[in-house]
Protein backbone atom coordinates (compact mmCIF):
# COMPACT_ATOMS: atom_id res chain seq x y z
CA UNK A 1 28.35 67.84 -15.85
CA UNK A 2 25.01 67.35 -14.24
CA UNK A 3 24.29 66.30 -10.71
CA UNK A 4 22.02 63.39 -11.72
CA UNK A 5 22.49 60.32 -9.62
CA UNK A 6 21.97 56.88 -11.21
CA UNK A 7 18.58 55.42 -10.39
CA UNK A 8 18.44 52.30 -8.36
CA UNK A 9 16.73 49.23 -9.75
CA UNK A 10 13.03 49.49 -8.98
CA UNK A 11 11.90 46.12 -10.38
CA UNK A 12 10.65 43.09 -8.56
CA UNK A 13 11.88 42.81 -4.95
CA UNK A 14 14.29 39.97 -4.47
CA UNK A 15 15.66 40.07 -8.02
CA UNK A 16 18.07 42.95 -7.49
CA UNK A 17 21.45 41.47 -6.65
CA UNK A 18 22.57 44.75 -5.05
CA UNK A 19 19.86 44.68 -2.38
CA UNK A 20 19.94 42.72 0.82
CA UNK A 21 17.66 39.71 0.63
CA UNK A 22 14.23 40.44 2.05
CA UNK A 23 13.30 38.64 5.25
CA UNK A 24 11.19 35.56 4.66
CA UNK A 25 7.50 36.30 4.81
CA UNK A 26 6.50 32.76 5.67
CA UNK A 27 7.88 30.63 8.42
CA UNK A 28 9.30 27.31 7.26
CA UNK A 29 8.44 24.64 9.78
CA UNK A 30 10.26 21.37 10.19
CA UNK A 31 8.06 18.44 9.22
CA UNK A 32 6.58 16.56 12.16
CA UNK A 33 8.65 13.61 13.26
CA UNK A 34 8.27 10.57 15.48
CA UNK A 35 10.98 8.46 17.06
CA UNK A 36 10.92 4.92 15.64
CA UNK A 37 13.65 2.40 16.53
CA UNK A 38 15.48 5.25 18.25
CA UNK A 39 15.67 7.40 15.08
CA UNK A 40 13.59 10.53 14.38
CA UNK A 41 11.47 9.81 11.29
CA UNK A 42 9.46 12.37 9.31
CA UNK A 43 5.77 11.59 8.93
CA UNK A 44 6.13 12.54 5.25
CA UNK A 45 8.77 9.85 4.58
CA UNK A 46 8.09 6.33 3.33
CA UNK A 47 8.71 4.85 6.77
CA UNK A 48 6.52 7.53 8.34
CA UNK A 49 3.75 6.73 5.85
CA UNK A 50 3.96 3.02 6.67
CA UNK A 51 3.84 3.89 10.37
CA UNK A 52 0.73 6.04 9.85
CA UNK A 53 -0.90 3.18 7.88
CA UNK A 54 -0.15 0.79 10.75
CA UNK A 55 -1.59 3.27 13.25
CA UNK A 56 -4.71 3.40 11.08
CA UNK A 57 -4.87 -0.41 11.28
CA UNK A 58 -4.55 0.00 15.05
CA UNK A 59 -7.53 2.36 15.01
CA UNK A 60 -9.46 -0.28 13.03
CA UNK A 61 -8.48 -2.89 15.66
CA UNK A 62 -6.46 -4.94 13.18
CA UNK A 63 -3.16 -4.24 15.00
CA UNK A 64 -2.71 -4.02 18.76
CA UNK A 65 -0.71 -1.33 20.57
CA UNK A 66 1.81 -3.98 21.63
CA UNK A 67 2.28 -5.16 18.04
CA UNK A 68 3.02 -1.62 16.82
CA UNK A 69 5.39 -0.91 19.72
CA UNK A 70 7.22 -4.16 19.03
CA UNK A 71 7.40 -3.63 15.25
CA UNK A 72 8.77 -0.08 15.50
CA UNK A 73 10.65 -0.58 18.81
CA UNK A 74 8.78 2.24 20.56
CA UNK A 75 9.36 2.69 24.28
CA UNK A 76 6.45 3.69 26.55
CA UNK A 77 7.58 7.33 26.80
CA UNK A 78 7.69 7.76 23.02
CA UNK A 79 4.37 5.90 22.66
CA UNK A 80 2.72 8.42 25.01
CA UNK A 81 4.17 11.33 22.98
CA UNK A 82 3.01 9.75 19.72
CA UNK A 83 -0.54 9.18 20.96
CA UNK A 84 -0.78 12.81 22.13
CA UNK A 85 0.64 14.35 18.93
CA UNK A 86 -1.91 16.37 16.97
CA UNK A 87 0.00 15.90 13.70
CA UNK A 88 -0.02 12.12 14.12
CA UNK A 89 -3.71 12.13 15.04
CA UNK A 90 -4.63 14.18 11.94
CA UNK A 91 -2.50 11.98 9.68
CA UNK A 92 -4.03 8.79 11.13
CA UNK A 93 -7.56 10.15 10.69
CA UNK A 94 -6.84 11.07 7.06
CA UNK A 95 -5.32 7.63 6.36
CA UNK A 96 -8.22 5.90 8.12
CA UNK A 97 -10.73 7.79 5.99
CA UNK A 98 -8.77 6.97 2.81
CA UNK A 99 -8.67 3.27 3.75
CA UNK A 100 -12.41 3.24 4.47
CA UNK A 101 -13.33 4.94 1.20
CA UNK A 102 -11.17 2.74 -1.06
CA UNK A 103 -12.18 -0.47 0.75
CA UNK A 104 -8.76 -1.43 2.17
CA UNK A 105 -10.06 -1.42 5.74
CA UNK A 106 -12.97 -3.74 4.93
CA UNK A 107 -10.77 -6.09 2.87
CA UNK A 108 -8.18 -6.43 5.63
CA UNK A 109 -10.85 -6.91 8.32
CA UNK A 110 -12.52 -9.60 6.20
CA UNK A 111 -9.17 -11.32 5.61
CA UNK A 112 -8.52 -11.35 9.35
CA UNK A 113 -11.92 -12.92 9.98
CA UNK A 114 -11.41 -15.41 7.14
CA UNK A 115 -8.27 -16.79 8.78
CA UNK A 116 -10.55 -18.23 11.50
CA UNK A 117 -12.88 -19.90 8.98
CA UNK A 118 -10.89 -23.13 8.47
CA UNK A 119 -10.87 -23.79 12.22
CA UNK A 120 -14.64 -23.31 12.42
CA UNK A 121 -15.22 -25.44 9.31
CA UNK A 122 -12.94 -28.13 10.73
CA UNK A 123 -15.01 -28.16 13.90
CA UNK A 124 -18.20 -28.65 11.88
CA UNK A 125 -16.57 -31.38 9.78
CA UNK A 126 -15.38 -33.32 12.85
CA UNK A 127 -18.61 -32.92 14.84
CA UNK A 128 -20.30 -36.34 14.72
CA UNK A 129 -23.60 -34.83 15.87
CA UNK A 130 -23.71 -32.24 13.07
CA UNK A 131 -26.09 -32.62 10.16
CA UNK A 132 -24.36 -34.67 7.41
CA UNK A 133 -25.21 -32.01 4.84
CA UNK A 134 -23.41 -29.37 6.93
CA UNK A 135 -20.38 -31.64 7.31
CA UNK A 136 -20.22 -32.17 3.53
CA UNK A 137 -20.51 -28.42 2.87
CA UNK A 138 -17.74 -27.77 5.41
CA UNK A 139 -15.53 -30.30 3.61
CA UNK A 140 -16.20 -28.60 0.25
CA UNK A 141 -15.37 -25.17 1.64
CA UNK A 142 -12.17 -26.47 3.24
CA UNK A 143 -11.14 -28.09 -0.05
CA UNK A 144 -11.83 -24.85 -1.94
CA UNK A 145 -9.84 -22.85 0.61
CA UNK A 146 -6.92 -25.29 0.46
CA UNK A 147 -6.78 -25.08 -3.37
CA UNK A 148 -6.83 -21.30 -3.78
CA UNK A 149 -5.00 -20.44 -6.98
CA UNK A 150 -5.32 -23.94 -8.41
CA UNK A 151 -8.61 -23.22 -10.19
CA UNK A 152 -6.93 -22.88 -13.58
CA UNK A 153 -5.80 -26.08 -15.21
CA UNK A 154 -2.34 -26.29 -16.73
CA UNK A 155 -3.54 -27.13 -20.25
CA UNK A 156 -5.44 -23.86 -20.68
CA UNK A 157 -3.00 -21.25 -21.94
CA UNK A 158 -3.61 -17.53 -21.94
CA UNK A 159 -3.79 -15.86 -25.33
CA UNK A 160 -2.52 -12.46 -26.31
CA UNK A 161 -4.84 -10.58 -28.67
CA UNK A 162 -3.93 -7.06 -29.79
CA UNK A 163 -6.70 -4.89 -31.25
CA UNK A 164 -5.98 -1.53 -32.89
CA UNK A 165 -8.94 0.70 -33.83
CA UNK A 166 -8.08 3.09 -36.66
CA UNK A 167 -11.60 4.40 -37.16
CA UNK A 168 -15.31 3.65 -36.77
CA UNK A 169 -15.70 1.22 -39.66
CA UNK A 170 -15.19 -2.50 -39.00
CA UNK A 171 -12.53 -2.65 -41.73
CA UNK A 172 -10.54 0.01 -39.83
CA UNK A 173 -9.87 -2.45 -37.03
CA UNK A 174 -6.64 -4.46 -36.93
CA UNK A 175 -6.67 -7.61 -34.81
CA UNK A 176 -3.54 -9.63 -34.10
CA UNK A 177 -3.91 -12.98 -32.38
CA UNK A 178 -0.46 -13.72 -31.04
CA UNK A 179 -1.41 -17.02 -29.46
CA UNK A 180 -0.19 -18.17 -26.11
CA UNK A 181 2.89 -16.36 -24.81
CA UNK A 182 6.14 -18.15 -25.39
CA UNK A 183 7.95 -18.93 -22.17
CA UNK A 184 11.72 -18.74 -22.20
CA UNK A 185 13.59 -22.00 -21.88
CA UNK A 186 14.73 -22.83 -18.42
CA UNK A 187 18.17 -21.54 -17.64
CA UNK A 188 20.73 -24.33 -17.53
CA UNK A 189 21.58 -25.62 -14.11
CA UNK A 190 25.27 -26.34 -13.48
CA UNK A 191 24.36 -29.24 -11.20
CA UNK A 192 22.19 -31.12 -13.69
CA UNK A 193 23.48 -29.82 -17.04
CA UNK A 194 25.13 -32.60 -19.03
CA UNK A 195 28.11 -31.57 -21.11
C-alpha cells in the first residue's frame, strides 16, 4: 500500500463543492432609493423612473417644485434630501439629456405654450380696434384648434394594401388590396335590444 494521498480538486475556484465559498470580490450595493408617499422607492423601478422624468420636467421648468411635492407627497425634509442626492442628480441629468436629444422636452414645452394660444387669439378676435384681417385670421386659427382630429371626413375609409416582394422583377411582387377594414357589428345592448 502506498502513502499517496488523493489530490484535491484544482479546477476553477468556486466550482468545487468541498471548498468554502470564496469571499465576494465585488461589493453589492443597494440601489439608490427615495421616499415617495412615505415608501422607499428604488430609482431603477417604474415609479422611480417616472419620478426622475418628472424631476427632469422640473429642471425644464415645466413642473414646479410644489407640483412634484404634491404629486408624490414629499415632505420638506425628504425634498431637501432628494435635491442633495448625487444619484438623483445624475439620473435627472441623464434623463434631461435624453429628453433634449429625442425632442420630448421641446414638444412638451411647445404644448405648454400652445395652451395659452386660444386665450391670445380670443383677445385678438374680440378687440374691436384690431385690424379686421388679424381678427379673421384669429377666428380661423381658433376654429382649426377647436376641430383638431376632425380633419378626416367620415366617408373616406382607410384601405389595407399588403405588398409582398419575392424578388427584383415586377412579376415577383404580390399585391393584395383588402379594401377598407371591416368593423365588427356593435355589441347588443340589453337596454335597447328588442327581443
